[in-house]
Structure formats: structure tokens, C-alpha cells
Amino acid sequence: MPLRLDTLKCTGCGLCELACSFRRDRVITTMRSSIMLHLDDKKNYFGVMIKRPNDELVLGRPEGLEIQGRGDRKEEDGAGAKPILLREECDECDGEIPYCVRICPSRCLYEGE
């Protein structure tokens, strides 16, 4: 089932990043996950980015979801969007319940159609 995100429930805890990296490489680091917490000091808000197949990004921000294709990057995306482009795409834990879904305390990440 596809991974879904309710942006208004996200608390910015970052557990999704750690769970993803642990499942992928058995290490706990924010640099190896396919999901990334995005912080923006100027706007004083945060969001979640998920790298999907074909370099598609799902951006979960307080104002709603946005899906960007490879050529859709904007200048205002800033440097914060670049680290996730270097990461492996989300494989949705190869059919298991995704680790990010299991660990999310606010249940902002879930599976659904």
C-alpha cells in the first residue's frame, strides 16, 4: 500500500528518519534514510520529504502536500532539498509495514489508498 502523510499531525520528532536508516542499513543516522525532516528557520515551520522512484519528491508541509518531479525544483526549495536527492528512493520496506509508519508517535505517516 502507498505511504501517506497527514502534514498537520507531524510534530517534527524525526523518528521516521532514524527508523528508515535502521531498516535500510542497520545504523541510526539521519543521512541514510529515504525520508527527511525539513526545517525552515525563516518561516518557523517544518515538513517531511520522501524520495520516491524516478527522483520524485513528496513534500509534506503545513500548507499541504506537494509532489515534485525531477525537473520541478524551484529556487525557493533551497539547499535543504539537496541532501535527499543523494539518498536511495523509498522502497516502502519491501511489502512490510514501513518502519516509519510503525514508529510515528503522532500517526502522521500511514499506509492507504
PDB file of N, CA and C in Angstrom:
ATOM      1  N   MET A   1       0.846  -1.191   0.000  1.00  0.00           N
ATOM      2  CA  MET A   1       0.000   0.000   0.000  1.00  0.00           C
ATOM      3  C   MET A   1       0.882   1.242   0.000  1.00  0.00           C
ATOM      4  N   PRO A   2       0.459   2.284  -0.664  1.00  0.00           N
ATOM      5  CA  PRO A   2       1.256   3.506  -0.707  1.00  0.00           C
ATOM      6  C   PRO A   2       1.377   4.172   0.666  1.00  0.00           C
ATOM      7  N   LEU A   3       2.508   4.807   0.870  1.00  0.00           N
ATOM      8  CA  LEU A   3       2.759   5.562   2.091  1.00  0.00           C
ATOM      9  C   LEU A   3       2.045   6.903   2.001  1.00  0.00           C
ATOM     10  N   ARG A   4       1.350   7.280   3.049  1.00  0.00           N
ATOM     11  CA  ARG A   4       0.597   8.538   3.095  1.00  0.00           C
ATOM     12  C   ARG A   4       1.093   9.391   4.249  1.00  0.00           C
ATOM     13  N   LEU A   5       0.812  10.687   4.168  1.00  0.00           N
ATOM     14  CA  LEU A   5       1.291  11.642   5.155  1.00  0.00           C
ATOM     15  C   LEU A   5       0.209  12.660   5.467  1.00  0.00           C
ATOM     16  N   ASP A   6      -0.101  12.829   6.748  1.00  0.00           N
ATOM     17  CA  ASP A   6      -1.014  13.879   7.208  1.00  0.00           C
ATOM     18  C   ASP A   6      -0.143  14.973   7.807  1.00  0.00           C
ATOM     19  N   THR A   7       0.103  16.013   7.040  1.00  0.00           N
ATOM     20  CA  THR A   7       1.081  17.037   7.416  1.00  0.00           C
ATOM     21  C   THR A   7       0.738  17.769   8.705  1.00  0.00           C
ATOM     22  N   LEU A   8      -0.516  17.907   9.021  1.00  0.00           N
ATOM     23  CA  LEU A   8      -0.894  18.654  10.224  1.00  0.00           C
ATOM     24  C   LEU A   8      -0.679  17.863  11.510  1.00  0.00           C
ATOM     25  N   LYS A   9      -0.479  16.563  11.412  1.00  0.00           N
ATOM     26  CA  LYS A   9      -0.229  15.747  12.605  1.00  0.00           C
ATOM     27  C   LYS A   9       1.255  15.636  12.947  1.00  0.00           C
ATOM     28  N   CYS A  10       2.128  15.964  12.007  1.00  0.00           N
ATOM     29  CA  CYS A  10       3.569  15.808  12.215  1.00  0.00           C
ATOM     30  C   CYS A  10       4.057  16.750  13.312  1.00  0.00           C
ATOM     31  N   THR A  11       4.835  16.198  14.259  1.00  0.00           N
ATOM     32  CA  THR A  11       5.388  17.003  15.352  1.00  0.00           C
ATOM     33  C   THR A  11       6.849  17.358  15.127  1.00  0.00           C
ATOM     34  N   GLY A  12       7.464  16.807  14.090  1.00  0.00           N
ATOM     35  CA  GLY A  12       8.861  17.099  13.798  1.00  0.00           C
ATOM     36  C   GLY A  12       9.840  16.323  14.660  1.00  0.00           C
ATOM     37  N   CYS A  13       9.434  15.180  15.197  1.00  0.00           N
ATOM     38  CA  CYS A  13      10.292  14.419  16.114  1.00  0.00           C
ATOM     39  C   CYS A  13      11.495  13.779  15.414  1.00  0.00           C
ATOM     40  N   GLY A  14      11.384  13.456  14.128  1.00  0.00           N
ATOM     41  CA  GLY A  14      12.489  12.868  13.380  1.00  0.00           C
ATOM     42  C   GLY A  14      12.661  11.362  13.537  1.00  0.00           C
ATOM     43  N   LEU A  15      11.771  10.708  14.274  1.00  0.00           N
ATOM     44  CA  LEU A  15      11.894   9.257  14.454  1.00  0.00           C
ATOM     45  C   LEU A  15      11.765   8.501  13.135  1.00  0.00           C
ATOM     46  N   CYS A  16      11.010   9.043  12.193  1.00  0.00           N
ATOM     47  CA  CYS A  16      10.845   8.389  10.891  1.00  0.00           C
ATOM     48  C   CYS A  16      12.188   8.263  10.174  1.00  0.00           C
ATOM     49  N   GLU A  17      13.008   9.305  10.240  1.00  0.00           N
ATOM     50  CA  GLU A  17      14.332   9.268   9.612  1.00  0.00           C
ATOM     51  C   GLU A  17      15.198   8.171  10.218  1.00  0.00           C
ATOM     52  N   LEU A  18      15.203   8.097  11.531  1.00  0.00           N
ATOM     53  CA  LEU A  18      16.036   7.118  12.225  1.00  0.00           C
ATOM     54  C   LEU A  18      15.570   5.693  11.953  1.00  0.00           C
ATOM     55  N   ALA A  19      14.257   5.477  11.959  1.00  0.00           N
ATOM     56  CA  ALA A  19      13.717   4.140  11.697  1.00  0.00           C
ATOM     57  C   ALA A  19      14.047   3.691  10.278  1.00  0.00           C
ATOM     58  N   CYS A  20      13.948   4.596   9.323  1.00  0.00           N
ATOM     59  CA  CYS A  20      14.245   4.272   7.928  1.00  0.00           C
ATOM     60  C   CYS A  20      15.712   3.882   7.764  1.00  0.00           C
ATOM     61  N   SER A  21      16.614   4.647   8.345  1.00  0.00           N
ATOM     62  CA  SER A  21      18.039   4.334   8.211  1.00  0.00           C
ATOM     63  C   SER A  21      18.373   3.008   8.889  1.00  0.00           C
ATOM     64  N   PHE A  22      17.727   2.723  10.020  1.00  0.00           N
ATOM     65  CA  PHE A  22      17.981   1.461  10.712  1.00  0.00           C
ATOM     66  C   PHE A  22      17.512   0.274   9.867  1.00  0.00           C
ATOM     67  N   ARG A  23      16.339   0.390   9.289  1.00  0.00           N
ATOM     68  CA  ARG A  23      15.823  -0.693   8.449  1.00  0.00           C
ATOM     69  C   ARG A  23      16.699  -0.896   7.216  1.00  0.00           C
ATOM     70  N   ARG A  24      17.163   0.198   6.642  1.00  0.00           N
ATOM     71  CA  ARG A  24      17.940   0.128   5.408  1.00  0.00           C
ATOM     72  C   ARG A  24      19.361  -0.399   5.645  1.00  0.00           C
ATOM     73  N   ASP A  25      20.045   0.143   6.663  1.00  0.00           N
ATOM     74  CA  ASP A  25      21.473  -0.153   6.850  1.00  0.00           C
ATOM     75  C   ASP A  25      21.850  -0.653   8.235  1.00  0.00           C
ATOM     76  N   ARG A  26      20.863  -0.817   9.113  1.00  0.00           N
ATOM     77  CA  ARG A  26      21.111  -1.239  10.491  1.00  0.00           C
ATOM     78  C   ARG A  26      22.028  -0.264  11.238  1.00  0.00           C
ATOM     79  N   VAL A  27      21.925   1.001  10.883  1.00  0.00           N
ATOM     80  CA  VAL A  27      22.595   2.084  11.610  1.00  0.00           C
ATOM     81  C   VAL A  27      21.556   3.166  11.879  1.00  0.00           C
ATOM     82  N   ILE A  28      21.783   3.921  12.923  1.00  0.00           N
ATOM     83  CA  ILE A  28      20.863   5.008  13.251  1.00  0.00           C
ATOM     84  C   ILE A  28      21.543   6.319  12.887  1.00  0.00           C
ATOM     85  N   THR A  29      21.130   6.869  11.760  1.00  0.00           N
ATOM     86  CA  THR A  29      21.674   8.126  11.269  1.00  0.00           C
ATOM     87  C   THR A  29      20.628   8.785  10.382  1.00  0.00           C
ATOM     88  N   THR A  30      20.604  10.081  10.375  1.00  0.00           N
ATOM     89  CA  THR A  30      19.644  10.782   9.522  1.00  0.00           C
ATOM     90  C   THR A  30      20.133  10.892   8.078  1.00  0.00           C
ATOM     91  N   MET A  31      21.360  10.510   7.809  1.00  0.00           N
ATOM     92  CA  MET A  31      21.925  10.684   6.470  1.00  0.00           C
ATOM     93  C   MET A  31      21.640   9.535   5.510  1.00  0.00           C
ATOM     94  N   ARG A  32      21.054   8.438   5.958  1.00  0.00           N
ATOM     95  CA  ARG A  32      20.848   7.287   5.092  1.00  0.00           C
ATOM     96  C   ARG A  32      19.385   6.977   4.816  1.00  0.00           C
ATOM     97  N   SER A  33      18.475   7.753   5.347  1.00  0.00           N
ATOM     98  CA  SER A  33      17.056   7.430   5.190  1.00  0.00           C
ATOM     99  C   SER A  33      16.480   8.025   3.907  1.00  0.00           C
ATOM    100  N   SER A  34      15.368   7.464   3.464  1.00  0.00           N
ATOM    101  CA  SER A  34      14.663   7.960   2.276  1.00  0.00           C
ATOM    102  C   SER A  34      13.619   9.000   2.645  1.00  0.00           C
ATOM    103  N   ILE A  35      13.491   9.263   3.925  1.00  0.00           N
ATOM    104  CA  ILE A  35      12.565  10.275   4.426  1.00  0.00           C
ATOM    105  C   ILE A  35      13.398  11.281   5.214  1.00  0.00           C
ATOM    106  N   MET A  36      13.050  12.534   5.116  1.00  0.00           N
ATOM    107  CA  MET A  36      13.878  13.571   5.723  1.00  0.00           C
ATOM    108  C   MET A  36      13.004  14.662   6.319  1.00  0.00           C
ATOM    109  N   LEU A  37      13.315  15.031   7.548  1.00  0.00           N
ATOM    110  CA  LEU A  37      12.644  16.153   8.180  1.00  0.00           C
ATOM    111  C   LEU A  37      13.261  17.430   7.628  1.00  0.00           C
ATOM    112  N   HIS A  38      12.441  18.331   7.166  1.00  0.00           N
ATOM    113  CA  HIS A  38      12.912  19.598   6.591  1.00  0.00           C
ATOM    114  C   HIS A  38      12.550  20.729   7.544  1.00  0.00           C
ATOM    115  N   LEU A  39      13.560  21.446   8.001  1.00  0.00           N
ATOM    116  CA  LEU A  39      13.342  22.585   8.891  1.00  0.00           C
ATOM    117  C   LEU A  39      13.623  23.870   8.133  1.00  0.00           C
ATOM    118  N   ASP A  40      12.807  24.864   8.326  1.00  0.00           N
ATOM    119  CA  ASP A  40      12.989  26.151   7.667  1.00  0.00           C
ATOM    120  C   ASP A  40      12.921  27.242   8.724  1.00  0.00           C
ATOM    121  N   ASP A  41      14.084  27.766   9.108  1.00  0.00           N
ATOM    122  CA  ASP A  41      14.154  28.772  10.172  1.00  0.00           C
ATOM    123  C   ASP A  41      13.433  30.062   9.815  1.00  0.00           C
ATOM    124  N   LYS A  42      13.525  30.481   8.555  1.00  0.00           N
ATOM    125  CA  LYS A  42      12.910  31.750   8.162  1.00  0.00           C
ATOM    126  C   LYS A  42      11.398  31.724   8.335  1.00  0.00           C
ATOM    127  N   LYS A  43      10.788  30.595   8.029  1.00  0.00           N
ATOM    128  CA  LYS A  43       9.336  30.514   8.096  1.00  0.00           C
ATOM    129  C   LYS A  43       8.855  29.900   9.405  1.00  0.00           C
ATOM    130  N   ASN A  44       9.805  29.438  10.227  1.00  0.00           N
ATOM    131  CA  ASN A  44       9.488  28.857  11.531  1.00  0.00           C
ATOM    132  C   ASN A  44       8.501  27.695  11.417  1.00  0.00           C
ATOM    133  N   TYR A  45       8.739  26.829  10.435  1.00  0.00           N
ATOM    134  CA  TYR A  45       7.932  25.621  10.318  1.00  0.00           C
ATOM    135  C   TYR A  45       8.779  24.491   9.765  1.00  0.00           C
ATOM    136  N   PHE A  46       8.236  23.305   9.800  1.00  0.00           N
ATOM    137  CA  PHE A  46       8.954  22.135   9.323  1.00  0.00           C
ATOM    138  C   PHE A  46       8.026  21.292   8.465  1.00  0.00           C
ATOM    139  N   GLY A  47       8.621  20.365   7.775  1.00  0.00           N
ATOM    140  CA  GLY A  47       7.856  19.442   6.956  1.00  0.00           C
ATOM    141  C   GLY A  47       8.641  18.164   6.772  1.00  0.00           C
ATOM    142  N   VAL A  48       8.094  17.240   6.012  1.00  0.00           N
ATOM    143  CA  VAL A  48       8.721  15.954   5.756  1.00  0.00           C
ATOM    144  C   VAL A  48       8.845  15.776   4.248  1.00  0.00           C
ATOM    145  N   MET A  49      10.003  15.264   3.806  1.00  0.00           N
ATOM    146  CA  MET A  49      10.217  14.954   2.396  1.00  0.00           C
ATOM    147  C   MET A  49      10.449  13.458   2.264  1.00  0.00           C
ATOM    148  N   ILE A  50       9.839  12.849   1.264  1.00  0.00           N
ATOM    149  CA  ILE A  50      10.034  11.432   0.982  1.00  0.00           C
ATOM    150  C   ILE A  50      10.503  11.309  -0.457  1.00  0.00           C
ATOM    151  N   LYS A  51      11.630  10.630  -0.664  1.00  0.00           N
ATOM    152  CA  LYS A  51      12.124  10.411  -2.022  1.00  0.00           C
ATOM    153  C   LYS A  51      11.455   9.170  -2.592  1.00  0.00           C
ATOM    154  N   ARG A  52      10.798   9.332  -3.720  1.00  0.00           N
ATOM    155  CA  ARG A  52      10.063   8.263  -4.392  1.00  0.00           C
ATOM    156  C   ARG A  52      10.824   7.833  -5.651  1.00  0.00           C
ATOM    157  N   PRO A  53      10.351   6.809  -6.365  1.00  0.00           N
ATOM    158  CA  PRO A  53      11.018   6.390  -7.601  1.00  0.00           C
ATOM    159  C   PRO A  53      11.142   7.536  -8.611  1.00  0.00           C
ATOM    160  N   ASN A  54      12.156   7.450  -9.454  1.00  0.00           N
ATOM    161  CA  ASN A  54      12.425   8.433 -10.516  1.00  0.00           C
ATOM    162  C   ASN A  54      12.685   9.830  -9.976  1.00  0.00           C
ATOM    163  N   ASP A  55      13.303   9.920  -8.799  1.00  0.00           N
ATOM    164  CA  ASP A  55      13.643  11.204  -8.166  1.00  0.00           C
ATOM    165  C   ASP A  55      12.437  12.083  -7.889  1.00  0.00           C
ATOM    166  N   GLU A  56      11.258  11.504  -7.776  1.00  0.00           N
ATOM    167  CA  GLU A  56      10.065  12.260  -7.401  1.00  0.00           C
ATOM    168  C   GLU A  56      10.124  12.520  -5.895  1.00  0.00           C
ATOM    169  N   LEU A  57       9.809  13.745  -5.499  1.00  0.00           N
ATOM    170  CA  LEU A  57       9.783  14.106  -4.083  1.00  0.00           C
ATOM    171  C   LEU A  57       8.363  14.392  -3.642  1.00  0.00           C
ATOM    172  N   VAL A  58       7.991  13.834  -2.495  1.00  0.00           N
ATOM    173  CA  VAL A  58       6.728  14.176  -1.853  1.00  0.00           C
ATOM    174  C   VAL A  58       7.089  15.120  -0.721  1.00  0.00           C
ATOM    175  N   LEU A  59       6.600  16.344  -0.793  1.00  0.00           N
ATOM    176  CA  LEU A  59       6.887  17.356   0.220  1.00  0.00           C
ATOM    177  C   LEU A  59       5.653  17.554   1.076  1.00  0.00           C
ATOM    178  N   GLY A  60       5.764  17.211   2.341  1.00  0.00           N
ATOM    179  CA  GLY A  60       4.661  17.403   3.275  1.00  0.00           C
ATOM    180  C   GLY A  60       4.925  18.635   4.112  1.00  0.00           C
ATOM    181  N   ARG A  61       4.200  19.684   3.836  1.00  0.00           N
ATOM    182  CA  ARG A  61       4.367  20.952   4.551  1.00  0.00           C
ATOM    183  C   ARG A  61       3.060  21.297   5.245  1.00  0.00           C
ATOM    184  N   PRO A  62       3.093  22.201   6.227  1.00  0.00           N
ATOM    185  CA  PRO A  62       1.852  22.562   6.922  1.00  0.00           C
ATOM    186  C   PRO A  62       0.738  23.018   5.985  1.00  0.00           C
ATOM    187  N   GLU A  63       1.089  23.647   4.879  1.00  0.00           N
ATOM    188  CA  GLU A  63       0.053  24.122   3.956  1.00  0.00           C
ATOM    189  C   GLU A  63      -0.470  23.028   3.037  1.00  0.00           C
ATOM    190  N   GLY A  64       0.109  21.827   3.129  1.00  0.00           N
ATOM    191  CA  GLY A  64      -0.390  20.706   2.341  1.00  0.00           C
ATOM    192  C   GLY A  64       0.718  19.946   1.642  1.00  0.00           C
ATOM    193  N   LEU A  65       0.323  18.920   0.902  1.00  0.00           N
ATOM    194  CA  LEU A  65       1.271  18.083   0.174  1.00  0.00           C
ATOM    195  C   LEU A  65       1.580  18.661  -1.194  1.00  0.00           C
ATOM    196  N   GLU A  66       2.806  18.431  -1.631  1.00  0.00           N
ATOM    197  CA  GLU A  66       3.216  18.821  -2.975  1.00  0.00           C
ATOM    198  C   GLU A  66       4.077  17.692  -3.519  1.00  0.00           C
ATOM    199  N   ILE A  67       3.880  17.335  -4.769  1.00  0.00           N
ATOM    200  CA  ILE A  67       4.704  16.314  -5.408  1.00  0.00           C
ATOM    201  C   ILE A  67       5.496  16.992  -6.514  1.00  0.00           C
ATOM    202  N   GLN A  68       6.824  16.811  -6.458  1.00  0.00           N
ATOM    203  CA  GLN A  68       7.698  17.421  -7.456  1.00  0.00           C
ATOM    204  C   GLN A  68       8.395  16.328  -8.247  1.00  0.00           C
ATOM    205  N   GLY A  69       8.414  16.490  -9.550  1.00  0.00           N
ATOM    206  CA  GLY A  69       9.172  15.595 -10.413  1.00  0.00           C
ATOM    207  C   GLY A  69      10.599  16.085 -10.519  1.00  0.00           C
ATOM    208  N   ARG A  70      11.408  15.369 -11.260  1.00  0.00           N
ATOM    209  CA  ARG A  70      12.831  15.687 -11.376  1.00  0.00           C
ATOM    210  C   ARG A  70      13.070  17.124 -11.847  1.00  0.00           C
ATOM    211  N   GLY A  71      12.332  17.622 -12.815  1.00  0.00           N
ATOM    212  CA  GLY A  71      12.561  18.959 -13.347  1.00  0.00           C
ATOM    213  C   GLY A  71      11.755  20.060 -12.685  1.00  0.00           C
ATOM    214  N   ASP A  72      11.070  19.747 -11.597  1.00  0.00           N
ATOM    215  CA  ASP A  72      10.172  20.715 -10.966  1.00  0.00           C
ATOM    216  C   ASP A  72      10.790  21.493  -9.814  1.00  0.00           C
ATOM    217  N   ARG A  73      12.081  21.350  -9.563  1.00  0.00           N
ATOM    218  CA  ARG A  73      12.699  22.027  -8.421  1.00  0.00           C
ATOM    219  C   ARG A  73      12.611  23.537  -8.605  1.00  0.00           C
ATOM    220  N   LYS A  74      12.409  24.234  -7.487  1.00  0.00           N
ATOM    221  CA  LYS A  74      12.282  25.688  -7.525  1.00  0.00           C
ATOM    222  C   LYS A  74      13.411  26.322  -6.733  1.00  0.00           C
ATOM    223  N   GLU A  75      13.726  27.552  -7.031  1.00  0.00           N
ATOM    224  CA  GLU A  75      14.779  28.274  -6.325  1.00  0.00           C
ATOM    225  C   GLU A  75      14.493  28.350  -4.834  1.00  0.00           C
ATOM    226  N   GLU A  76      13.220  28.529  -4.450  1.00  0.00           N
ATOM    227  CA  GLU A  76      12.888  28.654  -3.029  1.00  0.00           C
ATOM    228  C   GLU A  76      13.002  27.339  -2.270  1.00  0.00           C
ATOM    229  N   ASP A  77      13.185  26.208  -2.974  1.00  0.00           N
ATOM    230  CA  ASP A  77      13.378  24.939  -2.277  1.00  0.00           C
ATOM    231  C   ASP A  77      14.666  24.963  -1.470  1.00  0.00           C
ATOM    232  N   GLY A  78      15.643  25.723  -1.915  1.00  0.00           N
ATOM    233  CA  GLY A  78      16.859  25.940  -1.152  1.00  0.00           C
ATOM    234  C   GLY A  78      17.739  24.711  -1.014  1.00  0.00           C
ATOM    235  N   ALA A  79      18.786  24.890  -0.226  1.00  0.00           N
ATOM    236  CA  ALA A  79      19.766  23.828  -0.030  1.00  0.00           C
ATOM    237  C   ALA A  79      19.199  22.665   0.753  1.00  0.00           C
ATOM    238  N   GLY A  80      18.155  22.892   1.532  1.00  0.00           N
ATOM    239  CA  GLY A  80      17.568  21.828   2.339  1.00  0.00           C
ATOM    240  C   GLY A  80      17.033  20.678   1.517  1.00  0.00           C
ATOM    241  N   ALA A  81      16.686  20.918   0.272  1.00  0.00           N
ATOM    242  CA  ALA A  81      16.137  19.858  -0.580  1.00  0.00           C
ATOM    243  C   ALA A  81      17.234  19.005  -1.208  1.00  0.00           C
ATOM    244  N   LYS A  82      18.463  19.500  -1.262  1.00  0.00           N
ATOM    245  CA  LYS A  82      19.525  18.791  -1.969  1.00  0.00           C
ATOM    246  C   LYS A  82      19.965  17.488  -1.318  1.00  0.00           C
ATOM    247  N   PRO A  83      20.118  17.405   0.016  1.00  0.00           N
ATOM    248  CA  PRO A  83      20.599  16.139   0.588  1.00  0.00           C
ATOM    249  C   PRO A  83      19.717  14.941   0.270  1.00  0.00           C
ATOM    250  N   ILE A  84      18.435  15.117   0.161  1.00  0.00           N
ATOM    251  CA  ILE A  84      17.565  13.962  -0.094  1.00  0.00           C
ATOM    252  C   ILE A  84      17.711  13.452  -1.525  1.00  0.00           C
ATOM    253  N   LEU A  85      18.149  14.284  -2.437  1.00  0.00           N
ATOM    254  CA  LEU A  85      18.332  13.846  -3.819  1.00  0.00           C
ATOM    255  C   LEU A  85      19.462  12.833  -3.933  1.00  0.00           C
ATOM    256  N   LEU A  86      20.374  12.819  -2.969  1.00  0.00           N
ATOM    257  CA  LEU A  86      21.501  11.900  -2.978  1.00  0.00           C
ATOM    258  C   LEU A  86      21.170  10.562  -2.319  1.00  0.00           C
ATOM    259  N   ARG A  87      20.019  10.463  -1.716  1.00  0.00           N
ATOM    260  CA  ARG A  87      19.636   9.259  -0.975  1.00  0.00           C
ATOM    261  C   ARG A  87      18.908   8.266  -1.871  1.00  0.00           C
ATOM    262  N   GLU A  88      18.821   7.018  -1.379  1.00  0.00           N
ATOM    263  CA  GLU A  88      18.073   5.994  -2.110  1.00  0.00           C
ATOM    264  C   GLU A  88      16.583   6.282  -2.002  1.00  0.00           C
ATOM    265  N   GLU A  89      15.844   5.884  -3.024  1.00  0.00           N
ATOM    266  CA  GLU A  89      14.394   6.104  -3.005  1.00  0.00           C
ATOM    267  C   GLU A  89      13.719   5.176  -2.004  1.00  0.00           C
ATOM    268  N   CYS A  90      12.544   5.569  -1.567  1.00  0.00           N
ATOM    269  CA  CYS A  90      11.755   4.776  -0.623  1.00  0.00           C
ATOM    270  C   CYS A  90      11.274   3.498  -1.312  1.00  0.00           C
ATOM    271  N   ASP A  91      11.508   2.366  -0.673  1.00  0.00           N
ATOM    272  CA  ASP A  91      11.024   1.091  -1.220  1.00  0.00           C
ATOM    273  C   ASP A  91       9.827   0.574  -0.425  1.00  0.00           C
ATOM    274  N   GLU A  92       9.282   1.423   0.433  1.00  0.00           N
ATOM    275  CA  GLU A  92       8.131   1.092   1.286  1.00  0.00           C
ATOM    276  C   GLU A  92       8.363  -0.216   2.038  1.00  0.00           C
ATOM    277  N   CYS A  93       9.625  -0.420   2.449  1.00  0.00           N
ATOM    278  CA  CYS A  93      10.045  -1.573   3.265  1.00  0.00           C
ATOM    279  C   CYS A  93       9.698  -2.907   2.613  1.00  0.00           C
ATOM    280  N   ASP A  94       9.729  -2.923   1.288  1.00  0.00           N
ATOM    281  CA  ASP A  94       9.541  -4.164   0.515  1.00  0.00           C
ATOM    282  C   ASP A  94       8.327  -4.978   0.943  1.00  0.00           C
ATOM    283  N   GLY A  95       7.207  -4.303   1.143  1.00  0.00           N
ATOM    284  CA  GLY A  95       5.964  -5.004   1.441  1.00  0.00           C
ATOM    285  C   GLY A  95       5.651  -5.182   2.915  1.00  0.00           C
ATOM    286  N   GLU A  96       6.622  -4.934   3.790  1.00  0.00           N
ATOM    287  CA  GLU A  96       6.353  -4.978   5.231  1.00  0.00           C
ATOM    288  C   GLU A  96       5.636  -3.687   5.627  1.00  0.00           C
ATOM    289  N   ILE A  97       5.133  -3.638   6.847  1.00  0.00           N
ATOM    290  CA  ILE A  97       4.632  -2.356   7.347  1.00  0.00           C
ATOM    291  C   ILE A  97       5.854  -1.453   7.473  1.00  0.00           C
ATOM    292  N   PRO A  98       5.872  -0.296   6.807  1.00  0.00           N
ATOM    293  CA  PRO A  98       7.054   0.564   6.841  1.00  0.00           C
ATOM    294  C   PRO A  98       7.476   0.925   8.271  1.00  0.00           C
ATOM    295  N   TYR A  99       8.781   0.907   8.482  1.00  0.00           N
ATOM    296  CA  TYR A  99       9.321   1.229   9.804  1.00  0.00           C
ATOM    297  C   TYR A  99       8.911   2.628  10.239  1.00  0.00           C
ATOM    298  N   CYS A 100       8.854   3.573   9.302  1.00  0.00           N
ATOM    299  CA  CYS A 100       8.475   4.947   9.661  1.00  0.00           C
ATOM    300  C   CYS A 100       7.031   4.995  10.162  1.00  0.00           C
ATOM    301  N   VAL A 101       6.168   4.171   9.571  1.00  0.00           N
ATOM    302  CA  VAL A 101       4.762   4.101   9.998  1.00  0.00           C
ATOM    303  C   VAL A 101       4.676   3.486  11.393  1.00  0.00           C
ATOM    304  N   ARG A 102       5.445   2.427  11.609  1.00  0.00           N
ATOM    305  CA  ARG A 102       5.422   1.746  12.910  1.00  0.00           C
ATOM    306  C   ARG A 102       5.831   2.658  14.056  1.00  0.00           C
ATOM    307  N   ILE A 103       6.833   3.519  13.812  1.00  0.00           N
ATOM    308  CA  ILE A 103       7.409   4.288  14.908  1.00  0.00           C
ATOM    309  C   ILE A 103       6.774   5.666  15.095  1.00  0.00           C
ATOM    310  N   CYS A 104       6.032   6.152  14.141  1.00  0.00           N
ATOM    311  CA  CYS A 104       5.491   7.517  14.193  1.00  0.00           C
ATOM    312  C   CYS A 104       4.530   7.686  15.382  1.00  0.00           C
ATOM    313  N   PRO A 105       4.900   8.508  16.380  1.00  0.00           N
ATOM    314  CA  PRO A 105       4.050   8.648  17.566  1.00  0.00           C
ATOM    315  C   PRO A 105       2.759   9.423  17.313  1.00  0.00           C
ATOM    316  N   SER A 106       2.752  10.296  16.330  1.00  0.00           N
ATOM    317  CA  SER A 106       1.552  11.101  16.061  1.00  0.00           C
ATOM    318  C   SER A 106       0.668  10.488  14.973  1.00  0.00           C
ATOM    319  N   ARG A 107       1.143   9.394  14.366  1.00  0.00           N
ATOM    320  CA  ARG A 107       0.422   8.707  13.294  1.00  0.00           C
ATOM    321  C   ARG A 107       0.191   9.597  12.068  1.00  0.00           C
ATOM    322  N   CYS A 108       1.132  10.498  11.819  1.00  0.00           N
ATOM    323  CA  CYS A 108       1.003  11.315  10.604  1.00  0.00           C
ATOM    324  C   CYS A 108       1.401  10.511   9.373  1.00  0.00           C
ATOM    325  N   LEU A 109       2.221   9.479   9.538  1.00  0.00           N
ATOM    326  CA  LEU A 109       2.575   8.576   8.449  1.00  0.00           C
ATOM    327  C   LEU A 109       1.709   7.330   8.555  1.00  0.00           C
ATOM    328  N   TYR A 110       1.127   6.932   7.436  1.00  0.00           N
ATOM    329  CA  TYR A 110       0.263   5.752   7.439  1.00  0.00           C
ATOM    330  C   TYR A 110       0.200   5.171   6.033  1.00  0.00           C
ATOM    331  N   GLU A 111      -0.303   3.962   5.920  1.00  0.00           N
ATOM    332  CA  GLU A 111      -0.495   3.333   4.619  1.00  0.00           C
ATOM    333  C   GLU A 111      -1.946   3.488   4.208  1.00  0.00           C
ATOM    334  N   GLY A 112      -2.191   3.684   2.925  1.00  0.00           N
ATOM    335  CA  GLY A 112      -3.563   3.814   2.453  1.00  0.00           C
ATOM    336  C   GLY A 112      -3.629   4.121   0.984  1.00  0.00           C
ATOM    337  N   GLU A 113      -4.804   4.035   0.444  1.00  0.00           N
ATOM    338  CA  GLU A 113      -5.037   4.331  -0.977  1.00  0.00           C
ATOM    339  C   GLU A 113      -5.339   5.792  -1.170  1.00  0.00           C
TER     340      GLU A 113
END
